[in-house]
Amino acid sequence: MKAYRNNWYYVGGVIFAALAIILGLFGDLIDPMRRIMMVLFMCLLAHQFEEYAVPGGFPSAWNIGVSGEKEAGDRYPLNTKSAFIVNICCAYPIYIIGIIFYDVHVLSIFITYFTMLQILMHGLMMNKKMGTFYNPGVATALFVMVPVGIYSRWYMAVNFDIPSWNWWAPILVFPLVAFTTILLPILKCQNRNSPYVFPERDTKGFSIQGKVARIRR
């Protein structure tokens, strides 16, 4: 389990490649809406890979850049356990359920919004807090998640007669789901003496180290 907990984002990269092959070879046999949900899942996988692997550095960006932690930035408030819970135990099921029940439009719309709204955290909140133009995850949020999300919403609006409540209900429940699946696991697992320490490779990344050094001073 420790090996997976410290390398789940690389496994996600393998899953991304497998889904790309499946869609490339058998895409015509898959319902278009299910294909879209599979691509949205691939967006998540690419986003996580950018955050933690290449260029990586999200743990430092969150712990030191956003939270201002100076002493235990490699484990507080985010650590490998809470990162695993947020990204694997919480995020994966949402997208996998969406692929299985792709014809439940209110669910597909929620996942579309959930994907697109990553830009709010990365593009606005984190950059503003850190005083940066880039943080790990912002590129995929802006250039992958938002465009695919816009296309997904357009496709559903054009091809299905969807009741109006399907469009606005996901917006209402989004704050609760975001708190439950993202913030709550971090809050429950935070511990400055946590043994779930990020490896040094995970605390480094493009445009992060300089900012981290300034905060620590």
N, C-alpha and C. Protein backbone atom coordinates (compact mmCIF):
# COMPACT_ATOMS: atom_id res chain seq x y z
N MET A 1 0.82 -1.21 0.00
CA MET A 1 0.00 0.00 0.00
C MET A 1 0.86 1.26 0.00
N LYS A 2 1.97 1.24 0.75
CA LYS A 2 2.82 2.43 0.80
C LYS A 2 3.35 2.77 -0.59
N ALA A 3 3.74 1.72 -1.34
CA ALA A 3 4.27 1.96 -2.68
C ALA A 3 3.22 2.61 -3.57
N TYR A 4 1.99 2.14 -3.48
CA TYR A 4 0.91 2.74 -4.29
C TYR A 4 0.59 4.14 -3.80
N ARG A 5 0.58 4.33 -2.48
CA ARG A 5 0.27 5.65 -1.92
C ARG A 5 1.28 6.69 -2.37
N ASN A 6 2.53 6.28 -2.59
CA ASN A 6 3.56 7.22 -3.01
C ASN A 6 3.73 7.32 -4.52
N ASN A 7 3.00 6.48 -5.27
CA ASN A 7 3.19 6.47 -6.72
C ASN A 7 1.88 6.39 -7.50
N TRP A 8 0.75 6.69 -6.87
CA TRP A 8 -0.55 6.52 -7.51
C TRP A 8 -0.68 7.38 -8.77
N TYR A 9 -0.04 8.53 -8.83
CA TYR A 9 -0.15 9.41 -9.98
C TYR A 9 0.57 8.85 -11.20
N TYR A 10 1.61 8.03 -10.97
CA TYR A 10 2.25 7.35 -12.09
C TYR A 10 1.35 6.22 -12.61
N VAL A 11 0.68 5.54 -11.70
CA VAL A 11 -0.30 4.53 -12.10
C VAL A 11 -1.42 5.20 -12.90
N GLY A 12 -1.81 6.39 -12.46
CA GLY A 12 -2.81 7.15 -13.20
C GLY A 12 -2.37 7.45 -14.61
N GLY A 13 -1.07 7.71 -14.79
CA GLY A 13 -0.55 7.94 -16.13
C GLY A 13 -0.70 6.70 -17.01
N VAL A 14 -0.51 5.52 -16.42
CA VAL A 14 -0.69 4.26 -17.15
C VAL A 14 -2.16 4.08 -17.51
N ILE A 15 -3.05 4.40 -16.58
CA ILE A 15 -4.49 4.31 -16.84
C ILE A 15 -4.87 5.25 -17.97
N PHE A 16 -4.31 6.46 -17.95
CA PHE A 16 -4.56 7.42 -19.02
C PHE A 16 -4.18 6.84 -20.37
N ALA A 17 -3.00 6.24 -20.45
CA ALA A 17 -2.54 5.66 -21.71
C ALA A 17 -3.45 4.52 -22.15
N ALA A 18 -3.90 3.69 -21.20
CA ALA A 18 -4.78 2.58 -21.53
C ALA A 18 -6.12 3.08 -22.08
N LEU A 19 -6.67 4.12 -21.45
CA LEU A 19 -7.94 4.68 -21.92
C LEU A 19 -7.77 5.31 -23.31
N ALA A 20 -6.62 5.95 -23.54
CA ALA A 20 -6.36 6.54 -24.85
C ALA A 20 -6.33 5.46 -25.93
N ILE A 21 -5.73 4.32 -25.62
CA ILE A 21 -5.67 3.22 -26.58
C ILE A 21 -7.07 2.66 -26.83
N ILE A 22 -7.84 2.49 -25.76
CA ILE A 22 -9.21 1.97 -25.89
C ILE A 22 -10.05 2.88 -26.76
N LEU A 23 -9.98 4.18 -26.50
CA LEU A 23 -10.77 5.13 -27.28
C LEU A 23 -10.27 5.19 -28.72
N GLY A 24 -8.96 5.08 -28.91
CA GLY A 24 -8.42 5.12 -30.26
C GLY A 24 -8.81 3.91 -31.09
N LEU A 25 -8.85 2.75 -30.47
CA LEU A 25 -9.13 1.52 -31.21
C LEU A 25 -10.62 1.18 -31.27
N PHE A 26 -11.32 1.47 -30.19
CA PHE A 26 -12.71 1.02 -30.09
C PHE A 26 -13.70 2.16 -29.84
N GLY A 27 -13.25 3.40 -30.02
CA GLY A 27 -14.10 4.54 -29.72
C GLY A 27 -15.43 4.54 -30.46
N ASP A 28 -15.42 4.07 -31.71
CA ASP A 28 -16.64 4.07 -32.51
C ASP A 28 -17.69 3.11 -31.97
N LEU A 29 -17.28 2.17 -31.14
CA LEU A 29 -18.21 1.19 -30.58
C LEU A 29 -18.79 1.65 -29.24
N ILE A 30 -18.28 2.77 -28.74
CA ILE A 30 -18.71 3.27 -27.43
C ILE A 30 -19.67 4.43 -27.60
N ASP A 31 -20.72 4.45 -26.81
CA ASP A 31 -21.69 5.54 -26.86
C ASP A 31 -20.97 6.89 -26.73
N PRO A 32 -21.34 7.88 -27.55
CA PRO A 32 -20.64 9.18 -27.51
C PRO A 32 -20.60 9.81 -26.12
N MET A 33 -21.71 9.69 -25.38
CA MET A 33 -21.74 10.30 -24.05
C MET A 33 -20.80 9.57 -23.10
N ARG A 34 -20.71 8.26 -23.23
CA ARG A 34 -19.77 7.51 -22.40
C ARG A 34 -18.33 7.87 -22.78
N ARG A 35 -18.09 8.09 -24.06
CA ARG A 35 -16.76 8.51 -24.49
C ARG A 35 -16.38 9.83 -23.83
N ILE A 36 -17.33 10.75 -23.78
CA ILE A 36 -17.06 12.04 -23.16
C ILE A 36 -16.71 11.87 -21.69
N MET A 37 -17.45 11.00 -21.00
CA MET A 37 -17.17 10.78 -19.58
C MET A 37 -15.80 10.13 -19.39
N MET A 38 -15.41 9.28 -20.31
CA MET A 38 -14.07 8.68 -20.25
C MET A 38 -13.00 9.74 -20.45
N VAL A 39 -13.24 10.66 -21.37
CA VAL A 39 -12.28 11.74 -21.61
C VAL A 39 -12.19 12.67 -20.39
N LEU A 40 -13.32 12.92 -19.73
CA LEU A 40 -13.30 13.73 -18.52
C LEU A 40 -12.45 13.06 -17.44
N PHE A 41 -12.55 11.74 -17.34
CA PHE A 41 -11.71 11.01 -16.39
C PHE A 41 -10.25 11.14 -16.77
N MET A 42 -9.96 11.09 -18.07
CA MET A 42 -8.59 11.27 -18.54
C MET A 42 -8.09 12.67 -18.21
N CYS A 43 -8.97 13.66 -18.26
CA CYS A 43 -8.60 15.02 -17.85
C CYS A 43 -8.13 15.03 -16.40
N LEU A 44 -8.88 14.34 -15.55
CA LEU A 44 -8.50 14.25 -14.14
C LEU A 44 -7.12 13.61 -13.99
N LEU A 45 -6.90 12.51 -14.69
CA LEU A 45 -5.63 11.80 -14.60
C LEU A 45 -4.46 12.68 -15.06
N ALA A 46 -4.67 13.40 -16.15
CA ALA A 46 -3.63 14.31 -16.64
C ALA A 46 -3.37 15.43 -15.63
N HIS A 47 -4.44 15.93 -15.04
CA HIS A 47 -4.34 17.00 -14.05
C HIS A 47 -3.54 16.53 -12.84
N GLN A 48 -3.84 15.34 -12.34
CA GLN A 48 -3.12 14.80 -11.19
C GLN A 48 -1.65 14.56 -11.52
N PHE A 49 -1.39 14.12 -12.75
CA PHE A 49 0.00 13.87 -13.16
C PHE A 49 0.78 15.18 -13.18
N GLU A 50 0.15 16.24 -13.65
CA GLU A 50 0.82 17.54 -13.65
C GLU A 50 1.08 18.01 -12.22
N GLU A 51 0.11 17.80 -11.33
CA GLU A 51 0.26 18.26 -9.96
C GLU A 51 1.40 17.56 -9.22
N TYR A 52 1.48 16.23 -9.37
CA TYR A 52 2.38 15.46 -8.52
C TYR A 52 3.61 14.88 -9.22
N ALA A 53 3.56 14.73 -10.55
CA ALA A 53 4.67 14.07 -11.25
C ALA A 53 5.46 15.02 -12.12
N VAL A 54 4.87 15.50 -13.21
CA VAL A 54 5.57 16.37 -14.16
C VAL A 54 4.70 17.59 -14.46
N PRO A 55 5.09 18.80 -14.09
CA PRO A 55 6.34 19.10 -13.37
C PRO A 55 6.29 18.81 -11.88
N GLY A 56 5.06 18.59 -11.33
CA GLY A 56 4.96 18.26 -9.91
C GLY A 56 5.14 19.47 -9.01
N GLY A 57 5.20 19.21 -7.71
CA GLY A 57 5.40 20.27 -6.74
C GLY A 57 4.14 20.72 -6.03
N PHE A 58 3.00 20.08 -6.31
CA PHE A 58 1.76 20.52 -5.68
C PHE A 58 1.81 20.45 -4.15
N PRO A 59 2.40 19.40 -3.54
CA PRO A 59 2.45 19.39 -2.07
C PRO A 59 3.07 20.64 -1.48
N SER A 60 4.17 21.11 -2.05
CA SER A 60 4.79 22.35 -1.54
C SER A 60 3.92 23.56 -1.86
N ALA A 61 3.34 23.56 -3.06
CA ALA A 61 2.49 24.69 -3.44
C ALA A 61 1.33 24.84 -2.47
N TRP A 62 0.74 23.71 -2.06
CA TRP A 62 -0.41 23.76 -1.15
C TRP A 62 0.02 24.01 0.29
N ASN A 63 0.98 23.23 0.75
CA ASN A 63 1.36 23.30 2.16
C ASN A 63 2.10 24.58 2.51
N ILE A 64 3.02 24.98 1.66
CA ILE A 64 3.84 26.14 1.97
C ILE A 64 3.32 27.39 1.26
N GLY A 65 3.06 27.26 -0.04
CA GLY A 65 2.63 28.41 -0.82
C GLY A 65 1.27 28.93 -0.43
N VAL A 66 0.30 28.03 -0.23
CA VAL A 66 -1.07 28.44 0.09
C VAL A 66 -1.30 28.49 1.59
N SER A 67 -0.88 27.43 2.30
CA SER A 67 -1.17 27.34 3.74
C SER A 67 -0.16 28.07 4.60
N GLY A 68 1.01 28.41 4.03
CA GLY A 68 2.01 29.17 4.78
C GLY A 68 2.78 28.37 5.81
N GLU A 69 2.77 27.04 5.70
CA GLU A 69 3.49 26.21 6.66
C GLU A 69 5.00 26.33 6.43
N LYS A 70 5.74 26.62 7.50
CA LYS A 70 7.19 26.83 7.37
C LYS A 70 8.02 25.68 7.93
N GLU A 71 7.45 24.90 8.82
CA GLU A 71 8.24 23.88 9.51
C GLU A 71 8.07 22.48 8.92
N ALA A 72 6.85 22.13 8.54
CA ALA A 72 6.58 20.76 8.11
C ALA A 72 5.85 20.75 6.77
N GLY A 73 6.41 21.48 5.82
CA GLY A 73 5.77 21.60 4.52
C GLY A 73 5.72 20.33 3.72
N ASP A 74 6.47 19.32 4.14
CA ASP A 74 6.46 18.05 3.43
C ASP A 74 5.38 17.10 3.94
N ARG A 75 4.58 17.57 4.93
CA ARG A 75 3.55 16.68 5.49
C ARG A 75 2.35 17.39 6.10
N TYR A 76 2.35 18.73 6.10
CA TYR A 76 1.27 19.46 6.78
C TYR A 76 0.92 20.74 6.02
N PRO A 77 -0.40 20.98 5.80
CA PRO A 77 -1.54 20.14 6.21
C PRO A 77 -1.80 18.94 5.30
N LEU A 78 -1.33 19.00 4.04
CA LEU A 78 -1.52 17.87 3.12
C LEU A 78 -0.38 16.87 3.30
N ASN A 79 -0.72 15.59 3.37
CA ASN A 79 0.30 14.55 3.42
C ASN A 79 -0.05 13.45 2.42
N THR A 80 0.78 12.43 2.34
CA THR A 80 0.54 11.40 1.33
C THR A 80 -0.76 10.64 1.57
N LYS A 81 -1.16 10.52 2.83
CA LYS A 81 -2.41 9.81 3.14
C LYS A 81 -3.61 10.61 2.67
N SER A 82 -3.68 11.89 3.02
CA SER A 82 -4.83 12.71 2.62
C SER A 82 -4.84 12.94 1.12
N ALA A 83 -3.66 13.06 0.49
CA ALA A 83 -3.61 13.21 -0.96
C ALA A 83 -4.17 11.97 -1.65
N PHE A 84 -3.84 10.81 -1.10
CA PHE A 84 -4.35 9.55 -1.65
C PHE A 84 -5.86 9.46 -1.50
N ILE A 85 -6.36 9.84 -0.33
CA ILE A 85 -7.81 9.79 -0.09
C ILE A 85 -8.55 10.73 -1.04
N VAL A 86 -8.04 11.95 -1.16
CA VAL A 86 -8.70 12.95 -2.01
C VAL A 86 -8.72 12.51 -3.47
N ASN A 87 -7.57 12.09 -3.97
CA ASN A 87 -7.43 11.84 -5.39
C ASN A 87 -7.88 10.45 -5.83
N ILE A 88 -7.70 9.46 -4.99
CA ILE A 88 -8.07 8.09 -5.36
C ILE A 88 -9.41 7.68 -4.77
N CYS A 89 -9.53 7.78 -3.45
CA CYS A 89 -10.74 7.29 -2.77
C CYS A 89 -11.96 8.16 -3.03
N CYS A 90 -11.76 9.44 -3.30
CA CYS A 90 -12.88 10.35 -3.51
C CYS A 90 -13.09 10.69 -4.99
N ALA A 91 -12.04 11.13 -5.67
CA ALA A 91 -12.19 11.60 -7.05
C ALA A 91 -12.44 10.46 -8.04
N TYR A 92 -11.66 9.38 -7.93
CA TYR A 92 -11.83 8.28 -8.87
C TYR A 92 -13.26 7.75 -8.91
N PRO A 93 -13.89 7.44 -7.76
CA PRO A 93 -15.25 6.90 -7.80
C PRO A 93 -16.24 7.82 -8.50
N ILE A 94 -16.10 9.13 -8.32
CA ILE A 94 -17.02 10.07 -8.95
C ILE A 94 -16.97 9.91 -10.47
N TYR A 95 -15.77 9.87 -11.01
CA TYR A 95 -15.61 9.77 -12.47
C TYR A 95 -15.96 8.38 -13.00
N ILE A 96 -15.62 7.35 -12.26
CA ILE A 96 -15.93 5.99 -12.70
C ILE A 96 -17.43 5.75 -12.69
N ILE A 97 -18.11 6.24 -11.66
CA ILE A 97 -19.58 6.15 -11.62
C ILE A 97 -20.18 6.89 -12.81
N GLY A 98 -19.57 8.03 -13.16
CA GLY A 98 -20.04 8.79 -14.31
C GLY A 98 -19.91 8.01 -15.61
N ILE A 99 -18.83 7.25 -15.75
CA ILE A 99 -18.65 6.42 -16.95
C ILE A 99 -19.68 5.31 -16.99
N ILE A 100 -19.94 4.69 -15.84
CA ILE A 100 -20.90 3.59 -15.78
C ILE A 100 -22.32 4.09 -16.05
N PHE A 101 -22.69 5.19 -15.40
CA PHE A 101 -24.05 5.73 -15.53
C PHE A 101 -24.02 7.01 -16.37
N TYR A 102 -23.43 6.90 -17.54
CA TYR A 102 -23.24 8.05 -18.41
C TYR A 102 -24.55 8.67 -18.88
N ASP A 103 -25.65 7.89 -18.84
CA ASP A 103 -26.92 8.40 -19.32
C ASP A 103 -27.73 9.11 -18.23
N VAL A 104 -27.18 9.21 -17.04
CA VAL A 104 -27.81 10.00 -15.97
C VAL A 104 -27.29 11.43 -16.12
N HIS A 105 -28.06 12.26 -16.77
CA HIS A 105 -27.55 13.57 -17.19
C HIS A 105 -27.16 14.48 -16.04
N VAL A 106 -27.91 14.45 -14.97
CA VAL A 106 -27.57 15.34 -13.85
C VAL A 106 -26.19 14.96 -13.28
N LEU A 107 -25.86 13.68 -13.30
CA LEU A 107 -24.54 13.23 -12.84
C LEU A 107 -23.46 13.67 -13.81
N SER A 108 -23.72 13.50 -15.10
CA SER A 108 -22.74 13.91 -16.10
C SER A 108 -22.49 15.42 -16.04
N ILE A 109 -23.54 16.19 -15.82
CA ILE A 109 -23.40 17.64 -15.72
C ILE A 109 -22.58 18.00 -14.48
N PHE A 110 -22.85 17.32 -13.37
CA PHE A 110 -22.08 17.60 -12.16
C PHE A 110 -20.60 17.34 -12.40
N ILE A 111 -20.26 16.20 -13.02
CA ILE A 111 -18.87 15.87 -13.27
C ILE A 111 -18.23 16.89 -14.22
N THR A 112 -19.01 17.36 -15.18
CA THR A 112 -18.52 18.40 -16.08
C THR A 112 -18.16 19.66 -15.31
N TYR A 113 -19.05 20.10 -14.42
CA TYR A 113 -18.78 21.28 -13.60
C TYR A 113 -17.60 21.03 -12.65
N PHE A 114 -17.58 19.85 -12.04
CA PHE A 114 -16.51 19.49 -11.11
C PHE A 114 -15.15 19.58 -11.79
N THR A 115 -15.12 19.18 -13.05
CA THR A 115 -13.89 19.23 -13.83
C THR A 115 -13.51 20.66 -14.17
N MET A 116 -14.46 21.42 -14.69
CA MET A 116 -14.17 22.78 -15.13
C MET A 116 -13.77 23.69 -13.98
N LEU A 117 -14.39 23.50 -12.82
CA LEU A 117 -14.17 24.42 -11.71
C LEU A 117 -12.81 24.25 -11.03
N GLN A 118 -12.01 23.29 -11.50
CA GLN A 118 -10.63 23.22 -11.02
C GLN A 118 -9.87 24.50 -11.33
N ILE A 119 -10.31 25.20 -12.37
CA ILE A 119 -9.65 26.43 -12.75
C ILE A 119 -9.80 27.50 -11.68
N LEU A 120 -10.88 27.44 -10.90
CA LEU A 120 -11.07 28.43 -9.84
C LEU A 120 -10.00 28.27 -8.76
N MET A 121 -9.72 27.02 -8.38
CA MET A 121 -8.71 26.80 -7.34
C MET A 121 -7.31 27.08 -7.85
N HIS A 122 -6.98 26.54 -9.02
CA HIS A 122 -5.61 26.67 -9.52
C HIS A 122 -5.35 28.03 -10.18
N GLY A 123 -6.28 28.45 -11.04
CA GLY A 123 -6.05 29.67 -11.80
C GLY A 123 -6.26 30.93 -11.00
N LEU A 124 -7.18 30.89 -10.03
CA LEU A 124 -7.50 32.09 -9.26
C LEU A 124 -6.97 32.02 -7.84
N MET A 125 -7.50 31.10 -7.03
CA MET A 125 -7.19 31.09 -5.61
C MET A 125 -5.70 30.86 -5.34
N MET A 126 -5.13 29.80 -5.91
CA MET A 126 -3.73 29.48 -5.60
C MET A 126 -2.77 30.51 -6.17
N ASN A 127 -2.99 30.93 -7.41
CA ASN A 127 -2.09 31.93 -7.99
C ASN A 127 -2.15 33.25 -7.24
N LYS A 128 -3.36 33.63 -6.82
CA LYS A 128 -3.49 34.88 -6.07
C LYS A 128 -2.80 34.77 -4.72
N LYS A 129 -2.99 33.63 -4.05
CA LYS A 129 -2.39 33.44 -2.73
C LYS A 129 -0.88 33.42 -2.80
N MET A 130 -0.33 32.79 -3.83
CA MET A 130 1.11 32.63 -3.95
C MET A 130 1.79 33.77 -4.71
N GLY A 131 1.00 34.57 -5.41
CA GLY A 131 1.58 35.64 -6.21
C GLY A 131 2.32 35.10 -7.42
N THR A 132 1.80 34.02 -8.02
CA THR A 132 2.45 33.37 -9.16
C THR A 132 1.52 33.38 -10.38
N PHE A 133 2.09 33.04 -11.53
CA PHE A 133 1.29 32.89 -12.73
C PHE A 133 1.04 31.42 -13.03
N TYR A 134 1.81 30.56 -12.35
CA TYR A 134 1.66 29.12 -12.55
C TYR A 134 1.76 28.39 -11.22
N ASN A 135 0.96 27.35 -11.08
CA ASN A 135 1.11 26.39 -9.99
C ASN A 135 0.79 25.01 -10.55
N PRO A 136 1.27 23.95 -9.93
CA PRO A 136 1.08 22.61 -10.49
C PRO A 136 -0.41 22.25 -10.62
N GLY A 137 -0.87 22.13 -11.86
CA GLY A 137 -2.26 21.80 -12.13
C GLY A 137 -2.98 22.85 -12.95
N VAL A 138 -2.42 24.06 -13.01
CA VAL A 138 -3.13 25.14 -13.69
C VAL A 138 -3.15 24.94 -15.21
N ALA A 139 -2.11 24.34 -15.78
CA ALA A 139 -2.06 24.16 -17.24
C ALA A 139 -3.15 23.21 -17.72
N THR A 140 -3.27 22.06 -17.06
CA THR A 140 -4.31 21.11 -17.47
C THR A 140 -5.70 21.65 -17.14
N ALA A 141 -5.82 22.40 -16.04
CA ALA A 141 -7.12 22.99 -15.71
C ALA A 141 -7.57 23.95 -16.80
N LEU A 142 -6.64 24.80 -17.27
CA LEU A 142 -6.98 25.83 -18.25
C LEU A 142 -7.09 25.29 -19.67
N PHE A 143 -6.15 24.47 -20.07
CA PHE A 143 -6.08 24.06 -21.47
C PHE A 143 -6.69 22.69 -21.78
N VAL A 144 -7.04 21.94 -20.75
CA VAL A 144 -7.63 20.62 -20.96
C VAL A 144 -9.01 20.52 -20.32
N MET A 145 -9.09 20.78 -19.03
CA MET A 145 -10.33 20.56 -18.31
C MET A 145 -11.44 21.53 -18.73
N VAL A 146 -11.09 22.79 -18.86
CA VAL A 146 -12.11 23.78 -19.25
C VAL A 146 -12.61 23.53 -20.67
N PRO A 147 -11.74 23.36 -21.68
CA PRO A 147 -12.24 23.11 -23.04
C PRO A 147 -13.08 21.84 -23.15
N VAL A 148 -12.63 20.75 -22.53
CA VAL A 148 -13.40 19.51 -22.59
C VAL A 148 -14.72 19.68 -21.86
N GLY A 149 -14.70 20.39 -20.73
CA GLY A 149 -15.94 20.63 -19.99
C GLY A 149 -16.93 21.45 -20.80
N ILE A 150 -16.43 22.48 -21.49
CA ILE A 150 -17.31 23.30 -22.34
C ILE A 150 -17.92 22.45 -23.45
N TYR A 151 -17.09 21.61 -24.07
CA TYR A 151 -17.62 20.73 -25.13
C TYR A 151 -18.66 19.76 -24.57
N SER A 152 -18.38 19.20 -23.40
CA SER A 152 -19.33 18.27 -22.79
C SER A 152 -20.67 18.94 -22.54
N ARG A 153 -20.65 20.14 -22.00
CA ARG A 153 -21.89 20.86 -21.72
C ARG A 153 -22.62 21.18 -23.02
N TRP A 154 -21.88 21.61 -24.03
CA TRP A 154 -22.49 21.91 -25.33
C TRP A 154 -23.12 20.66 -25.93
N TYR A 155 -22.42 19.54 -25.88
CA TYR A 155 -22.93 18.30 -26.47
C TYR A 155 -24.23 17.88 -25.80
N MET A 156 -24.29 17.96 -24.49
CA MET A 156 -25.51 17.56 -23.79
C MET A 156 -26.66 18.52 -24.09
N ALA A 157 -26.36 19.82 -24.17
CA ALA A 157 -27.41 20.80 -24.43
C ALA A 157 -28.00 20.63 -25.83
N VAL A 158 -27.16 20.25 -26.79
CA VAL A 158 -27.59 20.12 -28.17
C VAL A 158 -28.31 18.80 -28.44
N ASN A 159 -27.87 17.73 -27.80
CA ASN A 159 -28.35 16.40 -28.15
C ASN A 159 -29.39 15.81 -27.22
N PHE A 160 -29.64 16.44 -26.09
CA PHE A 160 -30.60 15.88 -25.14
C PHE A 160 -31.57 16.95 -24.66
N ASP A 161 -32.79 16.53 -24.40
CA ASP A 161 -33.79 17.42 -23.81
C ASP A 161 -33.69 17.28 -22.29
N ILE A 162 -32.85 18.10 -21.70
CA ILE A 162 -32.54 17.97 -20.28
C ILE A 162 -33.33 18.99 -19.47
N PRO A 163 -34.04 18.53 -18.42
CA PRO A 163 -34.80 19.46 -17.56
C PRO A 163 -33.87 20.52 -16.96
N SER A 164 -34.40 21.70 -16.76
CA SER A 164 -33.58 22.81 -16.29
C SER A 164 -32.93 22.54 -14.94
N TRP A 165 -33.61 21.76 -14.08
CA TRP A 165 -33.03 21.52 -12.76
C TRP A 165 -31.75 20.70 -12.85
N ASN A 166 -31.59 19.92 -13.90
CA ASN A 166 -30.36 19.15 -14.10
C ASN A 166 -29.15 20.07 -14.27
N TRP A 167 -29.38 21.28 -14.75
CA TRP A 167 -28.28 22.21 -14.99
C TRP A 167 -27.88 22.98 -13.74
N TRP A 168 -28.87 23.36 -12.92
CA TRP A 168 -28.52 24.19 -11.76
C TRP A 168 -28.33 23.41 -10.47
N ALA A 169 -28.94 22.22 -10.36
CA ALA A 169 -28.79 21.43 -9.12
C ALA A 169 -27.33 21.08 -8.83
N PRO A 170 -26.53 20.67 -9.84
CA PRO A 170 -25.12 20.37 -9.55
C PRO A 170 -24.34 21.56 -8.99
N ILE A 171 -24.71 22.78 -9.40
CA ILE A 171 -24.03 23.96 -8.88
C ILE A 171 -24.31 24.12 -7.40
N LEU A 172 -25.55 23.81 -6.99
CA LEU A 172 -25.94 23.96 -5.59
C LEU A 172 -25.23 22.95 -4.69
N VAL A 173 -25.04 21.73 -5.19
CA VAL A 173 -24.42 20.70 -4.35
C VAL A 173 -22.89 20.70 -4.45
N PHE A 174 -22.36 21.44 -5.41
CA PHE A 174 -20.91 21.43 -5.61
C PHE A 174 -20.13 21.82 -4.36
N PRO A 175 -20.48 22.91 -3.64
CA PRO A 175 -19.71 23.27 -2.45
C PRO A 175 -19.66 22.14 -1.42
N LEU A 176 -20.78 21.46 -1.21
CA LEU A 176 -20.81 20.37 -0.24
C LEU A 176 -19.93 19.21 -0.68
N VAL A 177 -20.01 18.85 -1.95
CA VAL A 177 -19.20 17.74 -2.46
C VAL A 177 -17.72 18.12 -2.42
N ALA A 178 -17.39 19.35 -2.80
CA ALA A 178 -16.00 19.78 -2.78
C ALA A 178 -15.44 19.75 -1.36
N PHE A 179 -16.24 20.20 -0.40
CA PHE A 179 -15.79 20.18 1.00
C PHE A 179 -15.59 18.75 1.47
N THR A 180 -16.55 17.87 1.15
CA THR A 180 -16.51 16.49 1.62
C THR A 180 -15.37 15.69 1.01
N THR A 181 -15.10 15.93 -0.27
CA THR A 181 -14.11 15.10 -0.98
C THR A 181 -12.71 15.71 -1.02
N ILE A 182 -12.59 17.00 -0.74
CA ILE A 182 -11.27 17.64 -0.84
C ILE A 182 -10.80 18.19 0.52
N LEU A 183 -11.55 19.13 1.07
CA LEU A 183 -11.10 19.79 2.29
C LEU A 183 -11.21 18.90 3.53
N LEU A 184 -12.31 18.16 3.64
CA LEU A 184 -12.52 17.35 4.85
C LEU A 184 -11.42 16.29 5.05
N PRO A 185 -11.05 15.53 4.01
CA PRO A 185 -9.96 14.56 4.22
C PRO A 185 -8.65 15.22 4.65
N ILE A 186 -8.37 16.39 4.10
CA ILE A 186 -7.14 17.10 4.49
C ILE A 186 -7.21 17.51 5.96
N LEU A 187 -8.36 18.05 6.36
CA LEU A 187 -8.54 18.49 7.74
C LEU A 187 -8.47 17.33 8.72
N LYS A 188 -9.07 16.20 8.35
CA LYS A 188 -9.10 15.04 9.25
C LYS A 188 -7.72 14.39 9.39
N CYS A 189 -6.91 14.48 8.36
CA CYS A 189 -5.61 13.79 8.37
C CYS A 189 -4.44 14.69 8.71
N GLN A 190 -4.66 16.00 8.85
CA GLN A 190 -3.53 16.90 9.06
C GLN A 190 -2.88 16.68 10.42
N ASN A 191 -1.57 16.64 10.40
CA ASN A 191 -0.79 16.37 11.61
C ASN A 191 0.67 16.73 11.32
N ARG A 192 1.20 17.68 12.05
CA ARG A 192 2.59 18.09 11.81
C ARG A 192 3.58 16.96 12.08
N ASN A 193 3.16 15.97 12.87
CA ASN A 193 4.03 14.83 13.15
C ASN A 193 3.62 13.59 12.36
N SER A 194 2.89 13.80 11.30
CA SER A 194 2.41 12.67 10.50
C SER A 194 3.57 11.87 9.90
N PRO A 195 3.43 10.54 9.89
CA PRO A 195 4.46 9.72 9.25
C PRO A 195 4.30 9.67 7.73
N TYR A 196 3.20 10.25 7.24
CA TYR A 196 2.90 10.21 5.80
C TYR A 196 3.56 11.40 5.10
N VAL A 197 4.87 11.31 4.98
CA VAL A 197 5.68 12.42 4.47
C VAL A 197 5.85 12.28 2.96
N PHE A 198 5.72 13.40 2.26
CA PHE A 198 5.96 13.40 0.82
C PHE A 198 7.45 13.21 0.55
N PRO A 199 7.80 12.34 -0.41
CA PRO A 199 9.21 12.22 -0.81
C PRO A 199 9.69 13.56 -1.37
N GLU A 200 10.98 13.78 -1.30
CA GLU A 200 11.53 15.06 -1.76
C GLU A 200 11.16 15.36 -3.21
N ARG A 201 11.07 14.31 -4.04
CA ARG A 201 10.74 14.51 -5.46
C ARG A 201 9.37 15.15 -5.63
N ASP A 202 8.47 14.94 -4.66
CA ASP A 202 7.11 15.47 -4.78
C ASP A 202 6.99 16.90 -4.29
N THR A 203 7.99 17.40 -3.62
CA THR A 203 7.93 18.75 -3.08
C THR A 203 8.62 19.77 -3.96
N LYS A 204 9.16 19.31 -5.09
CA LYS A 204 9.82 20.20 -6.02
C LYS A 204 9.00 20.31 -7.30
N GLY A 205 9.10 21.44 -7.96
CA GLY A 205 8.39 21.59 -9.21
C GLY A 205 8.61 22.97 -9.81
N PHE A 206 8.28 23.09 -11.07
CA PHE A 206 8.46 24.36 -11.79
C PHE A 206 7.74 25.50 -11.09
N SER A 207 8.44 26.62 -10.90
CA SER A 207 7.86 27.85 -10.37
C SER A 207 7.44 27.75 -8.91
N ILE A 208 7.92 26.71 -8.19
CA ILE A 208 7.51 26.53 -6.81
C ILE A 208 8.63 26.86 -5.84
N GLN A 209 9.84 26.42 -6.13
CA GLN A 209 10.91 26.50 -5.16
C GLN A 209 11.23 27.93 -4.73
N GLY A 210 11.25 28.86 -5.68
CA GLY A 210 11.55 30.24 -5.32
C GLY A 210 10.51 30.82 -4.39
N LYS A 211 9.26 30.56 -4.67
CA LYS A 211 8.18 31.05 -3.82
C LYS A 211 8.25 30.42 -2.44
N VAL A 212 8.50 29.13 -2.39
CA VAL A 212 8.61 28.43 -1.12
C VAL A 212 9.73 29.00 -0.28
N ALA A 213 10.87 29.29 -0.90
CA ALA A 213 12.01 29.85 -0.17
C ALA A 213 11.66 31.20 0.43
N ARG A 214 10.94 32.03 -0.33
CA ARG A 214 10.56 33.35 0.18
C ARG A 214 9.62 33.23 1.38
N ILE A 215 8.68 32.29 1.32
CA ILE A 215 7.73 32.12 2.42
C ILE A 215 8.45 31.62 3.66
N ARG A 216 9.41 30.69 3.49
CA ARG A 216 10.13 30.15 4.63
C ARG A 216 10.99 31.20 5.32
N ARG A 217 11.45 32.21 4.55
CA ARG A 217 12.24 33.29 5.16
C ARG A 217 11.35 34.23 5.96
